[in-house]
Amino acid sequence: MHGCGNDFILIDEYEYEVVPESRKGEFSRVLCRRRLGIGADGVIFVCKPGSNEYDARMRIFNADGTEAEMSGNGMRCFAKYVYEHGLVHSRRMKIETLSGMIIPEVEECINGKVATIRVFMGKPRFERMDAPLYVNARIGELKLTAINLGNPHAVIIVRSFDALDLDFVGRSIESHPAFPNRTNVDFVVPHPGENEISVRTFERGVGETLSCGTGSTASVLALNELGLINPEAPVTVHTMGGDLRVELKDEGAYLIGPAEEVFVGTLTLSHQL
């Protein structure tokens, strides 16, 4: 499945465990390898919740085998799957994640299939606001906003992507000592007067992805704090994989976008995994 090009291998473990707990990280790392595996940005496991407070539980592993707290694009894929397969019957769901409760809601269905999902992303925690950070000798000092939206993001405003060495800069900031648990890195180009922004994200444990839901939301929240967008109107976020929409309300931020199923297959686990 994918959400604006951010793709995931989704495995249904709602009724029973498919991949042993001790092998989930290595399994994810091997299967996410493009050309050598199925290929994906991450692996999502659909699980039963730990309590009646939730409708289902989402676990997500990055392409490097590390477990992540949450994913905005992944959550839309998750919501589409559990709703279409009858695991959750309500359009508004309470999903358990490592970052707490996330509430996706099916917004639009076309011919019985979920097309658009609206996800309540909650309120952010700002840890650094447009503050200088010395990265390394090659990059020097950059201004960035550090924000936690269930998972960590560093938002950097740039004039354009043309001269940006995204992989080097992203990797340098991802593992910077200022972020002991590593961080996702979002590069943002504002579109003055249009309430639109363009975002490219270097995801922690993955690299650059075609889209990042939490990164898009974090970017809008950061630019709102800096007075660069109109919070009274929806903000369109242009990513390489497609457009997302972010709405800011008193109770927090909402991420709206599509989710698509690409294919269904059967995999036989080998003892090497």
C-alpha atoms as a PDB file:
ATOM      1  CA  MET A   1       0.000   0.000   0.000  1.00  0.00           C
ATOM      2  CA  HIS A   2       1.084   3.595  -0.337  1.00  0.00           C
ATOM      3  CA  GLY A   3       0.063   7.081   0.705  1.00  0.00           C
ATOM      4  CA  CYS A   4       1.302   9.605  -1.862  1.00  0.00           C
ATOM      5  CA  GLY A   5       4.181   7.316  -2.810  1.00  0.00           C
ATOM      6  CA  ASN A   6       5.232   6.543   0.777  1.00  0.00           C
ATOM      7  CA  ASP A   7       4.945   2.749   0.491  1.00  0.00           C
ATOM      8  CA  PHE A   8       4.496   0.005   3.051  1.00  0.00           C
ATOM      9  CA  ILE A   9       4.296  -3.757   3.269  1.00  0.00           C
ATOM     10  CA  LEU A  10       1.224  -4.391   5.410  1.00  0.00           C
ATOM     11  CA  ILE A  11       0.926  -7.677   7.314  1.00  0.00           C
ATOM     12  CA  ASP A  12      -2.265  -8.749   9.065  1.00  0.00           C
ATOM     13  CA  GLU A  13      -1.500 -10.122  12.534  1.00  0.00           C
ATOM     14  CA  TYR A  14      -4.894  -9.317  13.993  1.00  0.00           C
ATOM     15  CA  GLU A  15      -5.809 -12.944  14.680  1.00  0.00           C
ATOM     16  CA  TYR A  16      -2.377 -14.511  15.165  1.00  0.00           C
ATOM     17  CA  GLU A  17       1.295 -13.604  14.990  1.00  0.00           C
ATOM     18  CA  VAL A  18       2.766 -14.149  11.523  1.00  0.00           C
ATOM     19  CA  VAL A  19       6.327 -12.934  12.086  1.00  0.00           C
ATOM     20  CA  PRO A  20       7.900 -13.838  15.459  1.00  0.00           C
ATOM     21  CA  GLU A  21       8.589 -10.841  17.670  1.00  0.00           C
ATOM     22  CA  SER A  22      12.316 -11.513  17.746  1.00  0.00           C
ATOM     23  CA  ARG A  23      12.476 -11.442  13.938  1.00  0.00           C
ATOM     24  CA  LYS A  24      10.274  -8.466  13.100  1.00  0.00           C
ATOM     25  CA  GLY A  25      13.130  -5.973  12.813  1.00  0.00           C
ATOM     26  CA  GLU A  26      15.336  -8.143  10.617  1.00  0.00           C
ATOM     27  CA  PHE A  27      12.325  -9.274   8.586  1.00  0.00           C
ATOM     28  CA  SER A  28      11.437  -5.639   7.888  1.00  0.00           C
ATOM     29  CA  ARG A  29      14.995  -4.734   6.934  1.00  0.00           C
ATOM     30  CA  VAL A  30      15.312  -7.630   4.482  1.00  0.00           C
ATOM     31  CA  LEU A  31      11.889  -7.282   2.864  1.00  0.00           C
ATOM     32  CA  CYS A  32      12.130  -3.499   2.450  1.00  0.00           C
ATOM     33  CA  ARG A  33      15.237  -3.759   0.252  1.00  0.00           C
ATOM     34  CA  ARG A  34      14.328  -2.594  -3.217  1.00  0.00           C
ATOM     35  CA  ARG A  35      15.494  -4.938  -6.001  1.00  0.00           C
ATOM     36  CA  LEU A  36      16.458  -7.609  -3.426  1.00  0.00           C
ATOM     37  CA  GLY A  37      13.182  -7.834  -1.493  1.00  0.00           C
ATOM     38  CA  ILE A  38       9.602  -6.672  -1.982  1.00  0.00           C
ATOM     39  CA  GLY A  39      10.789  -3.094  -1.513  1.00  0.00           C
ATOM     40  CA  ALA A  40       9.136  -0.505   0.738  1.00  0.00           C
ATOM     41  CA  ASP A  41       9.748   2.415   3.069  1.00  0.00           C
ATOM     42  CA  GLY A  42       8.518   0.343   5.989  1.00  0.00           C
ATOM     43  CA  VAL A  43       6.476  -2.583   7.273  1.00  0.00           C
ATOM     44  CA  ILE A  44       3.153  -2.158   9.075  1.00  0.00           C
ATOM     45  CA  PHE A  45       1.733  -4.870  11.313  1.00  0.00           C
ATOM     46  CA  VAL A  46      -2.028  -4.894  11.974  1.00  0.00           C
ATOM     47  CA  CYS A  47      -2.514  -6.103  15.557  1.00  0.00           C
ATOM     48  CA  LYS A  48      -5.217  -6.468  18.162  1.00  0.00           C
ATOM     49  CA  PRO A  49      -5.210  -3.582  20.650  1.00  0.00           C
ATOM     50  CA  GLY A  50      -3.855  -3.934  24.140  1.00  0.00           C
ATOM     51  CA  SER A  51      -7.114  -2.733  25.712  1.00  0.00           C
ATOM     52  CA  ASN A  52     -10.763  -2.030  24.895  1.00  0.00           C
ATOM     53  CA  GLU A  53      -9.894   1.658  24.702  1.00  0.00           C
ATOM     54  CA  TYR A  54      -8.679   1.083  21.137  1.00  0.00           C
ATOM     55  CA  ASP A  55     -10.109  -0.467  17.989  1.00  0.00           C
ATOM     56  CA  ALA A  56      -6.801  -1.832  16.668  1.00  0.00           C
ATOM     57  CA  ARG A  57      -3.059  -1.484  17.122  1.00  0.00           C
ATOM     58  CA  MET A  58      -0.538  -0.369  14.495  1.00  0.00           C
ATOM     59  CA  ARG A  59       3.145  -1.247  14.661  1.00  0.00           C
ATOM     60  CA  ILE A  60       5.496   0.154  12.049  1.00  0.00           C
ATOM     61  CA  PHE A  61       9.106  -0.723  11.299  1.00  0.00           C
ATOM     62  CA  ASN A  62      11.428   1.435   9.206  1.00  0.00           C
ATOM     63  CA  ALA A  63      13.397   0.062   6.269  1.00  0.00           C
ATOM     64  CA  ASP A  64      16.468  -0.278   8.504  1.00  0.00           C
ATOM     65  CA  GLY A  65      14.573  -2.564  10.890  1.00  0.00           C
ATOM     66  CA  THR A  66      14.013  -0.042  13.686  1.00  0.00           C
ATOM     67  CA  GLU A  67      10.520   0.383  15.087  1.00  0.00           C
ATOM     68  CA  ALA A  68       8.962   3.834  14.644  1.00  0.00           C
ATOM     69  CA  GLU A  69       6.406   5.549  16.835  1.00  0.00           C
ATOM     70  CA  MET A  70       3.929   6.476  14.106  1.00  0.00           C
ATOM     71  CA  SER A  71       3.480   7.403  10.452  1.00  0.00           C
ATOM     72  CA  GLY A  72       0.870   9.735   9.022  1.00  0.00           C
ATOM     73  CA  ASN A  73       0.862   8.153   5.565  1.00  0.00           C
ATOM     74  CA  GLY A  74       1.129   4.700   7.110  1.00  0.00           C
ATOM     75  CA  MET A  75      -1.841   5.404   9.357  1.00  0.00           C
ATOM     76  CA  ARG A  76      -4.019   6.188   6.349  1.00  0.00           C
ATOM     77  CA  CYS A  77      -3.013   2.890   4.750  1.00  0.00           C
ATOM     78  CA  PHE A  78      -3.694   1.111   8.034  1.00  0.00           C
ATOM     79  CA  ALA A  79      -7.133   2.724   8.382  1.00  0.00           C
ATOM     80  CA  LYS A  80      -8.083   1.818   4.822  1.00  0.00           C
ATOM     81  CA  TYR A  81      -7.095  -1.812   5.400  1.00  0.00           C
ATOM     82  CA  VAL A  82      -8.858  -2.388   8.728  1.00  0.00           C
ATOM     83  CA  TYR A  83     -12.039  -0.651   7.522  1.00  0.00           C
ATOM     84  CA  GLU A  84     -12.262  -2.440   4.158  1.00  0.00           C
ATOM     85  CA  HIS A  85     -11.497  -5.836   5.742  1.00  0.00           C
ATOM     86  CA  GLY A  86     -14.093  -5.427   8.492  1.00  0.00           C
ATOM     87  CA  LEU A  87     -11.647  -5.410  11.397  1.00  0.00           C
ATOM     88  CA  VAL A  88     -13.019  -2.003  12.423  1.00  0.00           C
ATOM     89  CA  HIS A  89     -16.579  -1.026  11.513  1.00  0.00           C
ATOM     90  CA  SER A  90     -16.646   2.617  12.580  1.00  0.00           C
ATOM     91  CA  ARG A  91     -15.413   5.276  10.162  1.00  0.00           C
ATOM     92  CA  ARG A  92     -13.830   7.062  13.120  1.00  0.00           C
ATOM     93  CA  MET A  93     -11.240   4.811  14.739  1.00  0.00           C
ATOM     94  CA  LYS A  94      -9.062   4.825  17.829  1.00  0.00           C
ATOM     95  CA  ILE A  95      -5.729   3.273  16.947  1.00  0.00           C
ATOM     96  CA  GLU A  96      -3.039   2.301  19.434  1.00  0.00           C
ATOM     97  CA  THR A  97       0.540   3.257  18.479  1.00  0.00           C
ATOM     98  CA  LEU A  98       3.845   3.728  20.258  1.00  0.00           C
ATOM     99  CA  SER A  99       3.109   7.464  20.309  1.00  0.00           C
ATOM    100  CA  GLY A 100      -0.303   6.959  21.912  1.00  0.00           C
ATOM    101  CA  MET A 101      -3.819   7.090  20.503  1.00  0.00           C
ATOM    102  CA  ILE A 102      -4.173   8.242  16.883  1.00  0.00           C
ATOM    103  CA  ILE A 103      -7.634   8.887  15.455  1.00  0.00           C
ATOM    104  CA  PRO A 104      -8.095   8.360  11.702  1.00  0.00           C
ATOM    105  CA  GLU A 105     -11.477   8.831  10.061  1.00  0.00           C
ATOM    106  CA  VAL A 106     -12.649   7.574   6.677  1.00  0.00           C
ATOM    107  CA  GLU A 107     -13.623  10.744   4.846  1.00  0.00           C
ATOM    108  CA  GLU A 108     -14.540   9.495   1.376  1.00  0.00           C
ATOM    109  CA  CYS A 109     -15.406   6.134  -0.171  1.00  0.00           C
ATOM    110  CA  ILE A 110     -15.679   5.493  -3.913  1.00  0.00           C
ATOM    111  CA  ASN A 111     -17.397   2.298  -5.118  1.00  0.00           C
ATOM    112  CA  GLY A 112     -17.072   0.803  -1.654  1.00  0.00           C
ATOM    113  CA  LYS A 113     -13.351   1.509  -1.401  1.00  0.00           C
ATOM    114  CA  VAL A 114     -11.767   4.002   0.973  1.00  0.00           C
ATOM    115  CA  ALA A 115     -10.321   6.897  -1.008  1.00  0.00           C
ATOM    116  CA  THR A 116      -9.531   9.639   1.504  1.00  0.00           C
ATOM    117  CA  ILE A 117      -8.694   9.472   5.206  1.00  0.00           C
ATOM    118  CA  ARG A 118      -8.544  12.295   7.721  1.00  0.00           C
ATOM    119  CA  VAL A 119      -6.135  11.707  10.594  1.00  0.00           C
ATOM    120  CA  PHE A 120      -6.110  13.674  13.832  1.00  0.00           C
ATOM    121  CA  MET A 121      -2.398  14.158  14.479  1.00  0.00           C
ATOM    122  CA  GLY A 122      -2.735  15.877  17.851  1.00  0.00           C
ATOM    123  CA  LYS A 123      -0.861  18.858  19.214  1.00  0.00           C
ATOM    124  CA  PRO A 124       2.869  19.297  18.671  1.00  0.00           C
ATOM    125  CA  ARG A 125       5.629  19.700  21.194  1.00  0.00           C
ATOM    126  CA  PHE A 126       8.150  22.303  20.064  1.00  0.00           C
ATOM    127  CA  GLU A 127      11.670  21.622  21.265  1.00  0.00           C
ATOM    128  CA  ARG A 128      13.620  24.187  19.231  1.00  0.00           C
ATOM    129  CA  MET A 129      12.135  27.166  17.378  1.00  0.00           C
ATOM    130  CA  ASP A 130      13.943  28.533  14.309  1.00  0.00           C
ATOM    131  CA  ALA A 131      17.201  28.182  16.214  1.00  0.00           C
ATOM    132  CA  PRO A 132      20.740  27.868  14.785  1.00  0.00           C
ATOM    133  CA  LEU A 133      22.414  24.466  14.859  1.00  0.00           C
ATOM    134  CA  TYR A 134      26.005  23.818  13.855  1.00  0.00           C
ATOM    135  CA  VAL A 135      25.878  20.635  11.785  1.00  0.00           C
ATOM    136  CA  ASN A 136      29.433  19.952  10.586  1.00  0.00           C
ATOM    137  CA  ALA A 137      32.339  21.622   8.802  1.00  0.00           C
ATOM    138  CA  ARG A 138      30.866  21.091   5.324  1.00  0.00           C
ATOM    139  CA  ILE A 139      27.359  22.334   6.093  1.00  0.00           C
ATOM    140  CA  GLY A 140      28.110  24.858   8.812  1.00  0.00           C
ATOM    141  CA  GLU A 141      25.191  26.340  10.739  1.00  0.00           C
ATOM    142  CA  LEU A 142      21.526  25.979   9.835  1.00  0.00           C
ATOM    143  CA  LYS A 143      18.348  27.334  11.374  1.00  0.00           C
ATOM    144  CA  LEU A 144      15.780  24.700  12.159  1.00  0.00           C
ATOM    145  CA  THR A 145      12.653  24.047  14.179  1.00  0.00           C
ATOM    146  CA  ALA A 146      12.587  20.817  16.188  1.00  0.00           C
ATOM    147  CA  ILE A 147       9.092  19.497  16.741  1.00  0.00           C
ATOM    148  CA  ASN A 148       7.673  16.258  18.107  1.00  0.00           C
ATOM    149  CA  LEU A 149       4.380  15.040  16.693  1.00  0.00           C
ATOM    150  CA  GLY A 150       4.504  11.532  18.069  1.00  0.00           C
ATOM    151  CA  ASN A 151       7.839  11.166  16.293  1.00  0.00           C
ATOM    152  CA  PRO A 152      10.648  13.745  16.011  1.00  0.00           C
ATOM    153  CA  HIS A 153      11.097  16.177  13.122  1.00  0.00           C
ATOM    154  CA  ALA A 154      13.581  18.906  12.275  1.00  0.00           C
ATOM    155  CA  VAL A 155      12.035  21.452   9.904  1.00  0.00           C
ATOM    156  CA  ILE A 156      14.333  23.580   7.740  1.00  0.00           C
ATOM    157  CA  ILE A 157      13.099  26.368   5.469  1.00  0.00           C
ATOM    158  CA  VAL A 158      14.914  26.599   2.124  1.00  0.00           C
ATOM    159  CA  ARG A 159      14.446  28.875  -0.890  1.00  0.00           C
ATOM    160  CA  SER A 160      14.445  25.977  -3.346  1.00  0.00           C
ATOM    161  CA  PHE A 161      15.471  22.343  -3.640  1.00  0.00           C
ATOM    162  CA  ASP A 162      17.705  22.939  -6.666  1.00  0.00           C
ATOM    163  CA  ALA A 163      21.088  23.180  -4.953  1.00  0.00           C
ATOM    164  CA  LEU A 164      20.154  21.042  -1.951  1.00  0.00           C
ATOM    165  CA  ASP A 165      22.226  17.913  -1.275  1.00  0.00           C
ATOM    166  CA  LEU A 166      19.281  16.413   0.549  1.00  0.00           C
ATOM    167  CA  ASP A 167      20.847  13.046   1.279  1.00  0.00           C
ATOM    168  CA  PHE A 168      24.005  14.459   2.851  1.00  0.00           C
ATOM    169  CA  VAL A 169      22.304  17.213   4.805  1.00  0.00           C
ATOM    170  CA  GLY A 170      19.447  14.963   5.880  1.00  0.00           C
ATOM    171  CA  ARG A 171      21.765  12.190   7.024  1.00  0.00           C
ATOM    172  CA  SER A 172      23.986  14.672   8.890  1.00  0.00           C
ATOM    173  CA  ILE A 173      21.071  16.130  10.841  1.00  0.00           C
ATOM    174  CA  GLU A 174      19.291  12.796  11.371  1.00  0.00           C
ATOM    175  CA  SER A 175      22.223  11.504  13.439  1.00  0.00           C
ATOM    176  CA  HIS A 176      23.326  14.844  14.965  1.00  0.00           C
ATOM    177  CA  PRO A 177      24.134  14.713  18.707  1.00  0.00           C
ATOM    178  CA  ALA A 178      21.321  17.220  19.299  1.00  0.00           C
ATOM    179  CA  PHE A 179      18.931  14.368  18.459  1.00  0.00           C
ATOM    180  CA  PRO A 180      20.008  11.366  20.559  1.00  0.00           C
ATOM    181  CA  ASN A 181      17.144   9.236  19.202  1.00  0.00           C
ATOM    182  CA  ARG A 182      17.755  10.515  15.657  1.00  0.00           C
ATOM    183  CA  THR A 183      15.223  12.657  13.824  1.00  0.00           C
ATOM    184  CA  ASN A 184      13.312  12.985  10.574  1.00  0.00           C
ATOM    185  CA  VAL A 185      14.404  16.012   8.547  1.00  0.00           C
ATOM    186  CA  ASP A 186      11.946  18.124   6.541  1.00  0.00           C
ATOM    187  CA  PHE A 187      13.038  20.686   3.941  1.00  0.00           C
ATOM    188  CA  VAL A 188      10.294  23.216   3.201  1.00  0.00           C
ATOM    189  CA  VAL A 189       9.811  25.758   0.423  1.00  0.00           C
ATOM    190  CA  PRO A 190       6.983  28.202   1.284  1.00  0.00           C
ATOM    191  CA  HIS A 191       4.708  29.581  -1.436  1.00  0.00           C
ATOM    192  CA  PRO A 192       4.009  33.128  -0.189  1.00  0.00           C
ATOM    193  CA  GLY A 193       0.386  34.222  -0.457  1.00  0.00           C
ATOM    194  CA  GLU A 194      -0.876  30.827  -1.645  1.00  0.00           C
ATOM    195  CA  ASN A 195      -1.160  28.868   1.638  1.00  0.00           C
ATOM    196  CA  GLU A 196       0.816  26.137  -0.044  1.00  0.00           C
ATOM    197  CA  ILE A 197       4.205  24.645   0.714  1.00  0.00           C
ATOM    198  CA  SER A 198       6.491  22.103  -0.922  1.00  0.00           C
ATOM    199  CA  VAL A 199       8.163  19.526   1.314  1.00  0.00           C
ATOM    200  CA  ARG A 200      10.874  16.915   0.865  1.00  0.00           C
ATOM    201  CA  THR A 201      11.674  14.637   3.789  1.00  0.00           C
ATOM    202  CA  PHE A 202      14.660  12.560   4.783  1.00  0.00           C
ATOM    203  CA  GLU A 203      13.034   9.956   7.008  1.00  0.00           C
ATOM    204  CA  ARG A 204      14.837   8.508   9.985  1.00  0.00           C
ATOM    205  CA  GLY A 205      15.952   4.968   9.236  1.00  0.00           C
ATOM    206  CA  VAL A 206      14.785   5.162   5.614  1.00  0.00           C
ATOM    207  CA  GLY A 207      16.263   8.055   3.632  1.00  0.00           C
ATOM    208  CA  GLU A 208      14.298  10.346   1.339  1.00  0.00           C
ATOM    209  CA  THR A 209      10.751   9.186   0.686  1.00  0.00           C
ATOM    210  CA  LEU A 210       8.258  10.434  -1.892  1.00  0.00           C
ATOM    211  CA  SER A 211       6.071  11.768   0.902  1.00  0.00           C
ATOM    212  CA  CYS A 212       5.893  11.930   4.695  1.00  0.00           C
ATOM    213  CA  GLY A 213       2.604  12.541   6.475  1.00  0.00           C
ATOM    214  CA  THR A 214       3.983  13.520   9.869  1.00  0.00           C
ATOM    215  CA  GLY A 215       6.673  15.561   8.107  1.00  0.00           C
ATOM    216  CA  SER A 216       4.074  17.454   6.099  1.00  0.00           C
ATOM    217  CA  THR A 217       2.085  18.134   9.261  1.00  0.00           C
ATOM    218  CA  ALA A 218       5.173  19.157  11.235  1.00  0.00           C
ATOM    219  CA  SER A 219       6.198  21.524   8.432  1.00  0.00           C
ATOM    220  CA  VAL A 220       2.817  23.262   8.444  1.00  0.00           C
ATOM    221  CA  LEU A 221       2.879  23.569  12.235  1.00  0.00           C
ATOM    222  CA  ALA A 222       6.395  25.020  12.181  1.00  0.00           C
ATOM    223  CA  LEU A 223       5.545  27.566   9.485  1.00  0.00           C
ATOM    224  CA  ASN A 224       2.400  28.510  11.363  1.00  0.00           C
ATOM    225  CA  GLU A 225       4.467  29.322  14.459  1.00  0.00           C
ATOM    226  CA  LEU A 226       6.708  31.490  12.267  1.00  0.00           C
ATOM    227  CA  GLY A 227       3.709  33.339  10.780  1.00  0.00           C
ATOM    228  CA  LEU A 228       4.312  32.070   7.247  1.00  0.00           C
ATOM    229  CA  ILE A 229       0.910  30.479   6.589  1.00  0.00           C
ATOM    230  CA  ASN A 230      -2.742  31.284   7.247  1.00  0.00           C
ATOM    231  CA  PRO A 231      -3.949  28.856   9.942  1.00  0.00           C
ATOM    232  CA  GLU A 232      -7.596  29.700   9.246  1.00  0.00           C
ATOM    233  CA  ALA A 233      -7.522  27.915   5.887  1.00  0.00           C
ATOM    234  CA  PRO A 234      -6.362  24.431   4.831  1.00  0.00           C
ATOM    235  CA  VAL A 235      -2.740  24.253   3.730  1.00  0.00           C
ATOM    236  CA  THR A 236      -1.844  22.282   0.613  1.00  0.00           C
ATOM    237  CA  VAL A 237       1.410  20.360   0.934  1.00  0.00           C
ATOM    238  CA  HIS A 238       3.113  19.408  -2.322  1.00  0.00           C
ATOM    239  CA  THR A 239       5.283  16.294  -2.046  1.00  0.00           C
ATOM    240  CA  MET A 240       7.022  14.340  -4.800  1.00  0.00           C
ATOM    241  CA  GLY A 241       4.385  11.615  -4.448  1.00  0.00           C
ATOM    242  CA  GLY A 242       1.320  13.880  -4.510  1.00  0.00           C
ATOM    243  CA  ASP A 243      -0.554  16.500  -2.540  1.00  0.00           C
ATOM    244  CA  LEU A 244      -1.689  16.322   1.069  1.00  0.00           C
ATOM    245  CA  ARG A 245      -3.849  18.737   3.038  1.00  0.00           C
ATOM    246  CA  VAL A 246      -3.279  19.899   6.602  1.00  0.00           C
ATOM    247  CA  GLU A 247      -5.869  21.709   8.700  1.00  0.00           C
ATOM    248  CA  LEU A 248      -5.073  23.434  11.982  1.00  0.00           C
ATOM    249  CA  LYS A 249      -7.793  23.505  14.637  1.00  0.00           C
ATOM    250  CA  ASP A 250      -7.871  24.470  18.309  1.00  0.00           C
ATOM    251  CA  GLU A 251      -7.663  20.807  19.318  1.00  0.00           C
ATOM    252  CA  GLY A 252      -4.699  20.096  17.050  1.00  0.00           C
ATOM    253  CA  ALA A 253      -3.670  19.288  13.489  1.00  0.00           C
ATOM    254  CA  TYR A 254      -5.444  17.112  10.921  1.00  0.00           C
ATOM    255  CA  LEU A 255      -3.803  15.390   7.943  1.00  0.00           C
ATOM    256  CA  ILE A 256      -6.009  14.569   4.950  1.00  0.00           C
ATOM    257  CA  GLY A 257      -4.965  12.477   1.983  1.00  0.00           C
ATOM    258  CA  PRO A 258      -5.364   9.266  -0.024  1.00  0.00           C
ATOM    259  CA  ALA A 259      -4.259   5.680   0.527  1.00  0.00           C
ATOM    260  CA  GLU A 260      -3.994   3.048  -2.173  1.00  0.00           C
ATOM    261  CA  GLU A 261      -3.563  -0.694  -2.322  1.00  0.00           C
ATOM    262  CA  VAL A 262      -0.967  -1.691  -4.917  1.00  0.00           C
ATOM    263  CA  PHE A 263      -0.983  -5.481  -4.771  1.00  0.00           C
ATOM    264  CA  VAL A 264      -1.636  -8.490  -2.558  1.00  0.00           C
ATOM    265  CA  GLY A 265       0.799 -11.398  -2.363  1.00  0.00           C
ATOM    266  CA  THR A 266       1.875 -14.421  -0.345  1.00  0.00           C
ATOM    267  CA  LEU A 267       5.337 -14.727   1.161  1.00  0.00           C
ATOM    268  CA  THR A 268       6.964 -17.837   2.603  1.00  0.00           C
ATOM    269  CA  LEU A 269       9.233 -17.063   5.538  1.00  0.00           C
ATOM    270  CA  SER A 270      12.622 -18.740   5.381  1.00  0.00           C
ATOM    271  CA  HIS A 271      14.701 -19.781   8.373  1.00  0.00           C
ATOM    272  CA  GLN A 272      17.362 -17.231   7.332  1.00  0.00           C
ATOM    273  CA  LEU A 273      15.054 -14.323   8.179  1.00  0.00           C
END
